[in-house]
Amino acid sequence: MICSSIKRKGVEQEMYEDIFAERLTSLRTNKGVSARNMSLSIGQSADYINKVENKRIVPSMTAFFNICEYLEITPKDFFDFNSKNPTQQNEIVEKLKKLDKGSLNIIFELVDKLERN
């Protein structure tokens, strides 16, 4: 019984590492930066992000927060797998907050039409 739960935990951990690595790669490429430049920008060695994306290492919490800050997203955004471009979505939301009700209604109708297509 104990061995099977340990084995399952290992499989789950591998799954999370796969998902984490894929998400990081996706967000980094959407930002249009190389793994090397991102690594150096967050104060790590030149191959750090490559190691994370290739599942050779898992970032510490501090490094994870630095990654999120670099990508201009929150940790919640990082794990929102339905969001393909959270940085741009966050920018849009900030702009939406400044609009009046009439302008928001126009944008809502436009988004509604786009979503149906």
PDB file of N, CA and C in Angstrom:
ATOM      1  N   MET A   1       0.815  -1.180   0.000  1.00  0.00           N
ATOM      2  CA  MET A   1       0.000   0.000   0.000  1.00  0.00           C
ATOM      3  C   MET A   1       0.869   1.257   0.000  1.00  0.00           C
ATOM      4  N   ILE A   2       1.859   1.310   0.873  1.00  0.00           N
ATOM      5  CA  ILE A   2       2.731   2.480   0.937  1.00  0.00           C
ATOM      6  C   ILE A   2       3.515   2.620  -0.362  1.00  0.00           C
ATOM      7  N   CYS A   3       4.031   1.519  -0.878  1.00  0.00           N
ATOM      8  CA  CYS A   3       4.818   1.569  -2.114  1.00  0.00           C
ATOM      9  C   CYS A   3       3.986   2.093  -3.275  1.00  0.00           C
ATOM     10  N   SER A   4       2.707   1.673  -3.361  1.00  0.00           N
ATOM     11  CA  SER A   4       1.907   2.132  -4.489  1.00  0.00           C
ATOM     12  C   SER A   4       1.635   3.627  -4.392  1.00  0.00           C
ATOM     13  N   SER A   5       1.438   4.160  -3.175  1.00  0.00           N
ATOM     14  CA  SER A   5       1.203   5.605  -3.060  1.00  0.00           C
ATOM     15  C   SER A   5       2.468   6.387  -3.380  1.00  0.00           C
ATOM     16  N   ILE A   6       3.616   5.859  -3.026  1.00  0.00           N
ATOM     17  CA  ILE A   6       4.875   6.521  -3.372  1.00  0.00           C
ATOM     18  C   ILE A   6       5.055   6.518  -4.883  1.00  0.00           C
ATOM     19  N   LYS A   7       4.758   5.378  -5.505  1.00  0.00           N
ATOM     20  CA  LYS A   7       4.894   5.282  -6.957  1.00  0.00           C
ATOM     21  C   LYS A   7       3.946   6.262  -7.637  1.00  0.00           C
ATOM     22  N   ARG A   8       2.696   6.326  -7.172  1.00  0.00           N
ATOM     23  CA  ARG A   8       1.728   7.261  -7.764  1.00  0.00           C
ATOM     24  C   ARG A   8       2.204   8.697  -7.599  1.00  0.00           C
ATOM     25  N   LYS A   9       2.719   9.018  -6.438  1.00  0.00           N
ATOM     26  CA  LYS A   9       3.199  10.370  -6.215  1.00  0.00           C
ATOM     27  C   LYS A   9       4.311  10.707  -7.201  1.00  0.00           C
ATOM     28  N   GLY A  10       5.188   9.753  -7.475  1.00  0.00           N
ATOM     29  CA  GLY A  10       6.255   9.984  -8.435  1.00  0.00           C
ATOM     30  C   GLY A  10       5.722  10.264  -9.828  1.00  0.00           C
ATOM     31  N   VAL A  11       4.705   9.514 -10.235  1.00  0.00           N
ATOM     32  CA  VAL A  11       4.088   9.711 -11.548  1.00  0.00           C
ATOM     33  C   VAL A  11       3.417  11.081 -11.602  1.00  0.00           C
ATOM     34  N   GLU A  12       2.696  11.445 -10.535  1.00  0.00           N
ATOM     35  CA  GLU A  12       2.047  12.756 -10.489  1.00  0.00           C
ATOM     36  C   GLU A  12       3.081  13.870 -10.539  1.00  0.00           C
ATOM     37  N   GLN A  13       4.173  13.696  -9.811  1.00  0.00           N
ATOM     38  CA  GLN A  13       5.224  14.710  -9.802  1.00  0.00           C
ATOM     39  C   GLN A  13       5.794  14.884 -11.203  1.00  0.00           C
ATOM     40  N   GLU A  14       6.030  13.780 -11.906  1.00  0.00           N
ATOM     41  CA  GLU A  14       6.531  13.867 -13.278  1.00  0.00           C
ATOM     42  C   GLU A  14       5.540  14.598 -14.173  1.00  0.00           C
ATOM     43  N   MET A  15       4.250  14.324 -13.980  1.00  0.00           N
ATOM     44  CA  MET A  15       3.219  14.981 -14.772  1.00  0.00           C
ATOM     45  C   MET A  15       3.255  16.493 -14.527  1.00  0.00           C
ATOM     46  N   TYR A  16       3.369  16.898 -13.262  1.00  0.00           N
ATOM     47  CA  TYR A  16       3.423  18.323 -12.948  1.00  0.00           C
ATOM     48  C   TYR A  16       4.665  18.973 -13.541  1.00  0.00           C
ATOM     49  N   GLU A  17       5.786  18.277 -13.489  1.00  0.00           N
ATOM     50  CA  GLU A  17       7.011  18.813 -14.072  1.00  0.00           C
ATOM     51  C   GLU A  17       6.858  18.981 -15.579  1.00  0.00           C
ATOM     52  N   ASP A  18       6.200  18.015 -16.244  1.00  0.00           N
ATOM     53  CA  ASP A  18       5.949  18.130 -17.682  1.00  0.00           C
ATOM     54  C   ASP A  18       5.092  19.350 -17.985  1.00  0.00           C
ATOM     55  N   ILE A  19       4.012  19.502 -17.230  1.00  0.00           N
ATOM     56  CA  ILE A  19       3.089  20.623 -17.442  1.00  0.00           C
ATOM     57  C   ILE A  19       3.794  21.942 -17.183  1.00  0.00           C
ATOM     58  N   PHE A  20       4.573  22.004 -16.109  1.00  0.00           N
ATOM     59  CA  PHE A  20       5.298  23.223 -15.768  1.00  0.00           C
ATOM     60  C   PHE A  20       6.258  23.597 -16.889  1.00  0.00           C
ATOM     61  N   ALA A  21       7.023  22.624 -17.351  1.00  0.00           N
ATOM     62  CA  ALA A  21       8.015  22.879 -18.397  1.00  0.00           C
ATOM     63  C   ALA A  21       7.348  23.337 -19.691  1.00  0.00           C
ATOM     64  N   GLU A  22       6.260  22.687 -20.060  1.00  0.00           N
ATOM     65  CA  GLU A  22       5.543  23.072 -21.286  1.00  0.00           C
ATOM     66  C   GLU A  22       4.969  24.481 -21.174  1.00  0.00           C
ATOM     67  N   ARG A  23       4.416  24.803 -20.014  1.00  0.00           N
ATOM     68  CA  ARG A  23       3.833  26.135 -19.820  1.00  0.00           C
ATOM     69  C   ARG A  23       4.915  27.201 -19.874  1.00  0.00           C
ATOM     70  N   LEU A  24       6.032  26.957 -19.236  1.00  0.00           N
ATOM     71  CA  LEU A  24       7.126  27.922 -19.258  1.00  0.00           C
ATOM     72  C   LEU A  24       7.603  28.153 -20.685  1.00  0.00           C
ATOM     73  N   THR A  25       7.780  27.084 -21.428  1.00  0.00           N
ATOM     74  CA  THR A  25       8.212  27.209 -22.821  1.00  0.00           C
ATOM     75  C   THR A  25       7.217  28.021 -23.629  1.00  0.00           C
ATOM     76  N   SER A  26       5.949  27.737 -23.452  1.00  0.00           N
ATOM     77  CA  SER A  26       4.900  28.448 -24.184  1.00  0.00           C
ATOM     78  C   SER A  26       4.898  29.941 -23.848  1.00  0.00           C
ATOM     79  N   LEU A  27       4.933  30.261 -22.574  1.00  0.00           N
ATOM     80  CA  LEU A  27       4.907  31.672 -22.162  1.00  0.00           C
ATOM     81  C   LEU A  27       6.162  32.416 -22.617  1.00  0.00           C
ATOM     82  N   ARG A  28       7.296  31.754 -22.534  1.00  0.00           N
ATOM     83  CA  ARG A  28       8.553  32.391 -22.947  1.00  0.00           C
ATOM     84  C   ARG A  28       8.557  32.658 -24.451  1.00  0.00           C
ATOM     85  N   THR A  29       8.128  31.680 -25.238  1.00  0.00           N
ATOM     86  CA  THR A  29       8.123  31.872 -26.689  1.00  0.00           C
ATOM     87  C   THR A  29       7.083  32.907 -27.105  1.00  0.00           C
ATOM     88  N   ASN A  30       5.933  32.945 -26.394  1.00  0.00           N
ATOM     89  CA  ASN A  30       4.946  33.998 -26.669  1.00  0.00           C
ATOM     90  C   ASN A  30       5.527  35.389 -26.422  1.00  0.00           C
ATOM     91  N   LYS A  31       6.401  35.480 -25.440  1.00  0.00           N
ATOM     92  CA  LYS A  31       7.050  36.762 -25.135  1.00  0.00           C
ATOM     93  C   LYS A  31       8.136  37.076 -26.166  1.00  0.00           C
ATOM     94  N   GLY A  32       8.577  36.061 -26.888  1.00  0.00           N
ATOM     95  CA  GLY A  32       9.569  36.264 -27.943  1.00  0.00           C
ATOM     96  C   GLY A  32      10.995  36.421 -27.445  1.00  0.00           C
ATOM     97  N   VAL A  33      11.318  35.725 -26.348  1.00  0.00           N
ATOM     98  CA  VAL A  33      12.675  35.811 -25.806  1.00  0.00           C
ATOM     99  C   VAL A  33      13.325  34.430 -25.804  1.00  0.00           C
ATOM    100  N   SER A  34      14.629  34.441 -25.881  1.00  0.00           N
ATOM    101  CA  SER A  34      15.359  33.174 -25.839  1.00  0.00           C
ATOM    102  C   SER A  34      15.484  32.701 -24.394  1.00  0.00           C
ATOM    103  N   ALA A  35      15.684  31.419 -24.243  1.00  0.00           N
ATOM    104  CA  ALA A  35      15.876  30.848 -22.908  1.00  0.00           C
ATOM    105  C   ALA A  35      17.120  31.450 -22.260  1.00  0.00           C
ATOM    106  N   ARG A  36      18.144  31.668 -23.049  1.00  0.00           N
ATOM    107  CA  ARG A  36      19.388  32.236 -22.521  1.00  0.00           C
ATOM    108  C   ARG A  36      19.162  33.651 -21.993  1.00  0.00           C
ATOM    109  N   ASN A  37      18.520  34.505 -22.789  1.00  0.00           N
ATOM    110  CA  ASN A  37      18.284  35.882 -22.347  1.00  0.00           C
ATOM    111  C   ASN A  37      17.400  35.931 -21.113  1.00  0.00           C
ATOM    112  N   MET A  38      16.389  35.071 -21.077  1.00  0.00           N
ATOM    113  CA  MET A  38      15.520  35.042 -19.911  1.00  0.00           C
ATOM    114  C   MET A  38      16.302  34.600 -18.674  1.00  0.00           C
ATOM    115  N   SER A  39      17.120  33.576 -18.825  1.00  0.00           N
ATOM    116  CA  SER A  39      17.928  33.084 -17.706  1.00  0.00           C
ATOM    117  C   SER A  39      18.789  34.194 -17.125  1.00  0.00           C
ATOM    118  N   LEU A  40      19.481  34.894 -17.996  1.00  0.00           N
ATOM    119  CA  LEU A  40      20.366  35.962 -17.533  1.00  0.00           C
ATOM    120  C   LEU A  40      19.577  37.113 -16.928  1.00  0.00           C
ATOM    121  N   SER A  41      18.410  37.405 -17.486  1.00  0.00           N
ATOM    122  CA  SER A  41      17.590  38.512 -16.981  1.00  0.00           C
ATOM    123  C   SER A  41      17.047  38.260 -15.584  1.00  0.00           C
ATOM    124  N   ILE A  42      16.851  36.993 -15.233  1.00  0.00           N
ATOM    125  CA  ILE A  42      16.357  36.693 -13.891  1.00  0.00           C
ATOM    126  C   ILE A  42      17.490  36.354 -12.923  1.00  0.00           C
ATOM    127  N   GLY A  43      18.721  36.616 -13.356  1.00  0.00           N
ATOM    128  CA  GLY A  43      19.870  36.448 -12.475  1.00  0.00           C
ATOM    129  C   GLY A  43      20.358  35.021 -12.320  1.00  0.00           C
ATOM    130  N   GLN A  44      20.131  34.223 -13.332  1.00  0.00           N
ATOM    131  CA  GLN A  44      20.562  32.824 -13.286  1.00  0.00           C
ATOM    132  C   GLN A  44      21.648  32.583 -14.331  1.00  0.00           C
ATOM    133  N   SER A  45      22.189  31.369 -14.323  1.00  0.00           N
ATOM    134  CA  SER A  45      23.186  31.010 -15.330  1.00  0.00           C
ATOM    135  C   SER A  45      22.515  30.961 -16.704  1.00  0.00           C
ATOM    136  N   ALA A  46      23.312  31.065 -17.744  1.00  0.00           N
ATOM    137  CA  ALA A  46      22.790  31.171 -19.109  1.00  0.00           C
ATOM    138  C   ALA A  46      21.913  29.986 -19.514  1.00  0.00           C
ATOM    139  N   ASP A  47      22.145  28.812 -18.951  1.00  0.00           N
ATOM    140  CA  ASP A  47      21.375  27.631 -19.352  1.00  0.00           C
ATOM    141  C   ASP A  47      20.264  27.263 -18.367  1.00  0.00           C
ATOM    142  N   TYR A  48      19.965  28.130 -17.411  1.00  0.00           N
ATOM    143  CA  TYR A  48      18.999  27.830 -16.356  1.00  0.00           C
ATOM    144  C   TYR A  48      17.608  27.500 -16.913  1.00  0.00           C
ATOM    145  N   ILE A  49      17.050  28.361 -17.744  1.00  0.00           N
ATOM    146  CA  ILE A  49      15.697  28.144 -18.268  1.00  0.00           C
ATOM    147  C   ILE A  49      15.668  26.889 -19.140  1.00  0.00           C
ATOM    148  N   ASN A  50      16.726  26.651 -19.910  1.00  0.00           N
ATOM    149  CA  ASN A  50      16.793  25.399 -20.689  1.00  0.00           C
ATOM    150  C   ASN A  50      16.711  24.187 -19.774  1.00  0.00           C
ATOM    151  N   LYS A  51      17.387  24.236 -18.653  1.00  0.00           N
ATOM    152  CA  LYS A  51      17.354  23.114 -17.705  1.00  0.00           C
ATOM    153  C   LYS A  51      15.949  22.921 -17.146  1.00  0.00           C
ATOM    154  N   VAL A  52      15.259  24.017 -16.848  1.00  0.00           N
ATOM    155  CA  VAL A  52      13.891  23.909 -16.334  1.00  0.00           C
ATOM    156  C   VAL A  52      12.971  23.359 -17.421  1.00  0.00           C
ATOM    157  N   GLU A  53      13.081  23.907 -18.625  1.00  0.00           N
ATOM    158  CA  GLU A  53      12.218  23.469 -19.724  1.00  0.00           C
ATOM    159  C   GLU A  53      12.483  22.020 -20.137  1.00  0.00           C
ATOM    160  N   ASN A  54      13.691  21.546 -19.920  1.00  0.00           N
ATOM    161  CA  ASN A  54      14.036  20.159 -20.242  1.00  0.00           C
ATOM    162  C   ASN A  54      13.898  19.235 -19.040  1.00  0.00           C
ATOM    163  N   LYS A  55      13.292  19.749 -17.973  1.00  0.00           N
ATOM    164  CA  LYS A  55      12.964  18.986 -16.768  1.00  0.00           C
ATOM    165  C   LYS A  55      14.181  18.404 -16.056  1.00  0.00           C
ATOM    166  N   ARG A  56      15.315  19.062 -16.194  1.00  0.00           N
ATOM    167  CA  ARG A  56      16.500  18.622 -15.457  1.00  0.00           C
ATOM    168  C   ARG A  56      16.527  19.218 -14.059  1.00  0.00           C
ATOM    169  N   ILE A  57      15.873  20.393 -13.888  1.00  0.00           N
ATOM    170  CA  ILE A  57      15.770  21.017 -12.565  1.00  0.00           C
ATOM    171  C   ILE A  57      14.372  21.601 -12.407  1.00  0.00           C
ATOM    172  N   VAL A  58      13.999  21.814 -11.157  1.00  0.00           N
ATOM    173  CA  VAL A  58      12.741  22.474 -10.819  1.00  0.00           C
ATOM    174  C   VAL A  58      13.117  23.772 -10.111  1.00  0.00           C
ATOM    175  N   PRO A  59      12.527  24.891 -10.511  1.00  0.00           N
ATOM    176  CA  PRO A  59      12.919  26.155  -9.880  1.00  0.00           C
ATOM    177  C   PRO A  59      12.478  26.245  -8.425  1.00  0.00           C
ATOM    178  N   SER A  60      13.256  26.959  -7.648  1.00  0.00           N
ATOM    179  CA  SER A  60      12.852  27.257  -6.271  1.00  0.00           C
ATOM    180  C   SER A  60      11.672  28.219  -6.328  1.00  0.00           C
ATOM    181  N   MET A  61      11.040  28.429  -5.202  1.00  0.00           N
ATOM    182  CA  MET A  61       9.925  29.384  -5.159  1.00  0.00           C
ATOM    183  C   MET A  61      10.402  30.781  -5.547  1.00  0.00           C
ATOM    184  N   THR A  62      11.564  31.175  -5.063  1.00  0.00           N
ATOM    185  CA  THR A  62      12.098  32.496  -5.402  1.00  0.00           C
ATOM    186  C   THR A  62      12.318  32.605  -6.904  1.00  0.00           C
ATOM    187  N   ALA A  63      12.906  31.571  -7.499  1.00  0.00           N
ATOM    188  CA  ALA A  63      13.141  31.590  -8.944  1.00  0.00           C
ATOM    189  C   ALA A  63      11.815  31.605  -9.703  1.00  0.00           C
ATOM    190  N   PHE A  64      10.829  30.846  -9.202  1.00  0.00           N
ATOM    191  CA  PHE A  64       9.515  30.848  -9.851  1.00  0.00           C
ATOM    192  C   PHE A  64       8.902  32.248  -9.837  1.00  0.00           C
ATOM    193  N   PHE A  65       8.976  32.921  -8.701  1.00  0.00           N
ATOM    194  CA  PHE A  65       8.443  34.287  -8.628  1.00  0.00           C
ATOM    195  C   PHE A  65       9.207  35.222  -9.556  1.00  0.00           C
ATOM    196  N   ASN A  66      10.511  35.032  -9.678  1.00  0.00           N
ATOM    197  CA  ASN A  66      11.302  35.839 -10.620  1.00  0.00           C
ATOM    198  C   ASN A  66      10.886  35.561 -12.064  1.00  0.00           C
ATOM    199  N   ILE A  67      10.602  34.304 -12.363  1.00  0.00           N
ATOM    200  CA  ILE A  67      10.127  33.936 -13.703  1.00  0.00           C
ATOM    201  C   ILE A  67       8.811  34.640 -13.994  1.00  0.00           C
ATOM    202  N   CYS A  68       7.883  34.579 -13.046  1.00  0.00           N
ATOM    203  CA  CYS A  68       6.584  35.243 -13.233  1.00  0.00           C
ATOM    204  C   CYS A  68       6.753  36.741 -13.408  1.00  0.00           C
ATOM    205  N   GLU A  69       7.597  37.343 -12.588  1.00  0.00           N
ATOM    206  CA  GLU A  69       7.834  38.786 -12.709  1.00  0.00           C
ATOM    207  C   GLU A  69       8.408  39.123 -14.079  1.00  0.00           C
ATOM    208  N   TYR A  70       9.350  38.330 -14.541  1.00  0.00           N
ATOM    209  CA  TYR A  70       9.941  38.555 -15.855  1.00  0.00           C
ATOM    210  C   TYR A  70       8.890  38.449 -16.960  1.00  0.00           C
ATOM    211  N   LEU A  71       7.995  37.471 -16.830  1.00  0.00           N
ATOM    212  CA  LEU A  71       6.951  37.269 -17.832  1.00  0.00           C
ATOM    213  C   LEU A  71       5.790  38.253 -17.673  1.00  0.00           C
ATOM    214  N   GLU A  72       5.849  39.057 -16.605  1.00  0.00           N
ATOM    215  CA  GLU A  72       4.818  40.060 -16.300  1.00  0.00           C
ATOM    216  C   GLU A  72       3.450  39.417 -16.073  1.00  0.00           C
ATOM    217  N   ILE A  73       3.466  38.333 -15.300  1.00  0.00           N
ATOM    218  CA  ILE A  73       2.240  37.618 -14.954  1.00  0.00           C
ATOM    219  C   ILE A  73       2.276  37.273 -13.469  1.00  0.00           C
ATOM    220  N   THR A  74       1.135  36.877 -12.944  1.00  0.00           N
ATOM    221  CA  THR A  74       1.065  36.389 -11.571  1.00  0.00           C
ATOM    222  C   THR A  74       1.281  34.879 -11.568  1.00  0.00           C
ATOM    223  N   PRO A  75       1.602  34.311 -10.408  1.00  0.00           N
ATOM    224  CA  PRO A  75       1.670  32.852 -10.333  1.00  0.00           C
ATOM    225  C   PRO A  75       0.345  32.204 -10.748  1.00  0.00           C
ATOM    226  N   LYS A  76      -0.768  32.834 -10.409  1.00  0.00           N
ATOM    227  CA  LYS A  76      -2.080  32.311 -10.832  1.00  0.00           C
ATOM    228  C   LYS A  76      -2.163  32.273 -12.354  1.00  0.00           C
ATOM    229  N   ASP A  77      -1.694  33.348 -13.014  1.00  0.00           N
ATOM    230  CA  ASP A  77      -1.690  33.378 -14.476  1.00  0.00           C
ATOM    231  C   ASP A  77      -0.844  32.243 -15.052  1.00  0.00           C
ATOM    232  N   PHE A  78       0.271  31.965 -14.394  1.00  0.00           N
ATOM    233  CA  PHE A  78       1.166  30.914 -14.884  1.00  0.00           C
ATOM    234  C   PHE A  78       0.429  29.583 -14.982  1.00  0.00           C
ATOM    235  N   PHE A  79      -0.401  29.290 -13.988  1.00  0.00           N
ATOM    236  CA  PHE A  79      -1.087  28.003 -13.947  1.00  0.00           C
ATOM    237  C   PHE A  79      -2.482  28.033 -14.560  1.00  0.00           C
ATOM    238  N   ASP A  80      -2.854  29.144 -15.183  1.00  0.00           N
ATOM    239  CA  ASP A  80      -4.134  29.209 -15.892  1.00  0.00           C
ATOM    240  C   ASP A  80      -3.881  28.736 -17.321  1.00  0.00           C
ATOM    241  N   PHE A  81      -3.985  27.427 -17.525  1.00  0.00           N
ATOM    242  CA  PHE A  81      -3.618  26.820 -18.798  1.00  0.00           C
ATOM    243  C   PHE A  81      -4.578  27.169 -19.930  1.00  0.00           C
ATOM    244  N   ASN A  82      -5.746  27.722 -19.602  1.00  0.00           N
ATOM    245  CA  ASN A  82      -6.679  28.160 -20.639  1.00  0.00           C
ATOM    246  C   ASN A  82      -6.297  29.522 -21.209  1.00  0.00           C
ATOM    247  N   SER A  83      -5.408  30.199 -20.547  1.00  0.00           N
ATOM    248  CA  SER A  83      -4.977  31.523 -20.978  1.00  0.00           C
ATOM    249  C   SER A  83      -3.709  31.393 -21.823  1.00  0.00           C
ATOM    250  N   LYS A  84      -3.846  31.670 -23.108  1.00  0.00           N
ATOM    251  CA  LYS A  84      -2.700  31.503 -24.017  1.00  0.00           C
ATOM    252  C   LYS A  84      -1.711  32.663 -23.943  1.00  0.00           C
ATOM    253  N   ASN A  85      -2.217  33.861 -23.627  1.00  0.00           N
ATOM    254  CA  ASN A  85      -1.351  35.030 -23.563  1.00  0.00           C
ATOM    255  C   ASN A  85      -1.753  35.908 -22.381  1.00  0.00           C
ATOM    256  N   PRO A  86      -1.410  35.473 -21.157  1.00  0.00           N
ATOM    257  CA  PRO A  86      -1.859  36.203 -19.970  1.00  0.00           C
ATOM    258  C   PRO A  86      -1.312  37.626 -19.867  1.00  0.00           C
ATOM    259  N   THR A  87      -0.119  37.873 -20.375  1.00  0.00           N
ATOM    260  CA  THR A  87       0.432  39.224 -20.301  1.00  0.00           C
ATOM    261  C   THR A  87      -0.461  40.200 -21.055  1.00  0.00           C
ATOM    262  N   GLN A  88      -0.818  39.852 -22.267  1.00  0.00           N
ATOM    263  CA  GLN A  88      -1.669  40.730 -23.071  1.00  0.00           C
ATOM    264  C   GLN A  88      -3.068  40.832 -22.469  1.00  0.00           C
ATOM    265  N   GLN A  89      -3.573  39.739 -21.938  1.00  0.00           N
ATOM    266  CA  GLN A  89      -4.894  39.773 -21.308  1.00  0.00           C
ATOM    267  C   GLN A  89      -4.894  40.711 -20.103  1.00  0.00           C
ATOM    268  N   ASN A  90      -3.834  40.668 -19.312  1.00  0.00           N
ATOM    269  CA  ASN A  90      -3.739  41.564 -18.158  1.00  0.00           C
ATOM    270  C   ASN A  90      -3.685  43.027 -18.603  1.00  0.00           C
ATOM    271  N   GLU A  91      -2.967  43.307 -19.683  1.00  0.00           N
ATOM    272  CA  GLU A  91      -2.903  44.673 -20.210  1.00  0.00           C
ATOM    273  C   GLU A  91      -4.282  45.138 -20.667  1.00  0.00           C
ATOM    274  N   ILE A  92      -5.023  44.256 -21.319  1.00  0.00           N
ATOM    275  CA  ILE A  92      -6.369  44.594 -21.790  1.00  0.00           C
ATOM    276  C   ILE A  92      -7.289  44.872 -20.603  1.00  0.00           C
ATOM    277  N   VAL A  93      -7.218  44.037 -19.587  1.00  0.00           N
ATOM    278  CA  VAL A  93      -8.066  44.226 -18.410  1.00  0.00           C
ATOM    279  C   VAL A  93      -7.779  45.578 -17.753  1.00  0.00           C
ATOM    280  N   GLU A  94      -6.520  45.943 -17.656  1.00  0.00           N
ATOM    281  CA  GLU A  94      -6.173  47.245 -17.055  1.00  0.00           C
ATOM    282  C   GLU A  94      -6.768  48.390 -17.866  1.00  0.00           C
ATOM    283  N   LYS A  95      -6.746  48.275 -19.176  1.00  0.00           N
ATOM    284  CA  LYS A  95      -7.338  49.314 -20.028  1.00  0.00           C
ATOM    285  C   LYS A  95      -8.861  49.324 -19.906  1.00  0.00           C
ATOM    286  N   LEU A  96      -9.463  48.142 -19.795  1.00  0.00           N
ATOM    287  CA  LEU A  96     -10.917  48.043 -19.654  1.00  0.00           C
ATOM    288  C   LEU A  96     -11.401  48.729 -18.377  1.00  0.00           C
ATOM    289  N   LYS A  97     -10.616  48.661 -17.330  1.00  0.00           N
ATOM    290  CA  LYS A  97     -10.988  49.266 -16.056  1.00  0.00           C
ATOM    291  C   LYS A  97     -11.193  50.774 -16.167  1.00  0.00           C
ATOM    292  N   LYS A  98     -10.594  51.379 -17.160  1.00  0.00           N
ATOM    293  CA  LYS A  98     -10.658  52.834 -17.328  1.00  0.00           C
ATOM    294  C   LYS A  98     -11.827  53.288 -18.202  1.00  0.00           C
ATOM    295  N   LEU A  99     -12.557  52.355 -18.802  1.00  0.00           N
ATOM    296  CA  LEU A  99     -13.618  52.705 -19.740  1.00  0.00           C
ATOM    297  C   LEU A  99     -14.960  52.905 -19.045  1.00  0.00           C
ATOM    298  N   ASP A 100     -15.802  53.718 -19.673  1.00  0.00           N
ATOM    299  CA  ASP A 100     -17.157  53.910 -19.154  1.00  0.00           C
ATOM    300  C   ASP A 100     -18.051  52.752 -19.604  1.00  0.00           C
ATOM    301  N   LYS A 101     -19.260  52.713 -19.059  1.00  0.00           N
ATOM    302  CA  LYS A 101     -20.181  51.600 -19.311  1.00  0.00           C
ATOM    303  C   LYS A 101     -20.524  51.460 -20.793  1.00  0.00           C
ATOM    304  N   GLY A 102     -20.741  52.562 -21.497  1.00  0.00           N
ATOM    305  CA  GLY A 102     -21.081  52.497 -22.920  1.00  0.00           C
ATOM    306  C   GLY A 102     -19.967  51.871 -23.741  1.00  0.00           C
ATOM    307  N   SER A 103     -18.741  52.269 -23.466  1.00  0.00           N
ATOM    308  CA  SER A 103     -17.589  51.698 -24.182  1.00  0.00           C
ATOM    309  C   SER A 103     -17.430  50.214 -23.865  1.00  0.00           C
ATOM    310  N   LEU A 104     -17.648  49.848 -22.601  1.00  0.00           N
ATOM    311  CA  LEU A 104     -17.561  48.442 -22.217  1.00  0.00           C
ATOM    312  C   LEU A 104     -18.617  47.604 -22.924  1.00  0.00           C
ATOM    313  N   ASN A 105     -19.812  48.156 -23.093  1.00  0.00           N
ATOM    314  CA  ASN A 105     -20.868  47.432 -23.809  1.00  0.00           C
ATOM    315  C   ASN A 105     -20.480  47.176 -25.256  1.00  0.00           C
ATOM    316  N   ILE A 106     -19.866  48.154 -25.907  1.00  0.00           N
ATOM    317  CA  ILE A 106     -19.415  47.994 -27.289  1.00  0.00           C
ATOM    318  C   ILE A 106     -18.365  46.877 -27.370  1.00  0.00           C
ATOM    319  N   ILE A 107     -17.420  46.909 -26.458  1.00  0.00           N
ATOM    320  CA  ILE A 107     -16.361  45.894 -26.453  1.00  0.00           C
ATOM    321  C   ILE A 107     -16.954  44.518 -26.150  1.00  0.00           C
ATOM    322  N   PHE A 108     -17.900  44.457 -25.218  1.00  0.00           N
ATOM    323  CA  PHE A 108     -18.539  43.186 -24.898  1.00  0.00           C
ATOM    324  C   PHE A 108     -19.216  42.587 -26.129  1.00  0.00           C
ATOM    325  N   GLU A 109     -19.932  43.411 -26.869  1.00  0.00           N
ATOM    326  CA  GLU A 109     -20.606  42.931 -28.078  1.00  0.00           C
ATOM    327  C   GLU A 109     -19.598  42.423 -29.101  1.00  0.00           C
ATOM    328  N   LEU A 110     -18.499  43.143 -29.264  1.00  0.00           N
ATOM    329  CA  LEU A 110     -17.451  42.728 -30.198  1.00  0.00           C
ATOM    330  C   LEU A 110     -16.852  41.380 -29.780  1.00  0.00           C
ATOM    331  N   VAL A 111     -16.514  41.252 -28.514  1.00  0.00           N
ATOM    332  CA  VAL A 111     -15.926  40.000 -28.020  1.00  0.00           C
ATOM    333  C   VAL A 111     -16.922  38.856 -28.157  1.00  0.00           C
ATOM    334  N   ASP A 112     -18.184  39.139 -27.871  1.00  0.00           N
ATOM    335  CA  ASP A 112     -19.228  38.132 -28.013  1.00  0.00           C
ATOM    336  C   ASP A 112     -19.318  37.624 -29.453  1.00  0.00           C
ATOM    337  N   LYS A 113     -19.260  38.528 -30.415  1.00  0.00           N
ATOM    338  CA  LYS A 113     -19.296  38.143 -31.820  1.00  0.00           C
ATOM    339  C   LYS A 113     -18.061  37.342 -32.210  1.00  0.00           C
ATOM    340  N   LEU A 114     -16.892  37.784 -31.757  1.00  0.00           N
ATOM    341  CA  LEU A 114     -15.650  37.068 -32.059  1.00  0.00           C
ATOM    342  C   LEU A 114     -15.661  35.664 -31.480  1.00  0.00           C
ATOM    343  N   GLU A 115     -16.201  35.535 -30.296  1.00  0.00           N
ATOM    344  CA  GLU A 115     -16.241  34.228 -29.633  1.00  0.00           C
ATOM    345  C   GLU A 115     -17.142  33.249 -30.378  1.00  0.00           C
ATOM    346  N   ARG A 116     -18.212  33.740 -30.981  1.00  0.00           N
ATOM    347  CA  ARG A 116     -19.137  32.881 -31.714  1.00  0.00           C
ATOM    348  C   ARG A 116     -18.554  32.430 -33.048  1.00  0.00           C
ATOM    349  N   ASN A 117     -17.573  33.132 -33.594  1.00  0.00           N
ATOM    350  CA  ASN A 117     -16.979  32.771 -34.883  1.00  0.00           C
ATOM    351  C   ASN A 117     -15.917  31.742 -34.762  1.00  0.00           C
TER     352      ASN A 117
END
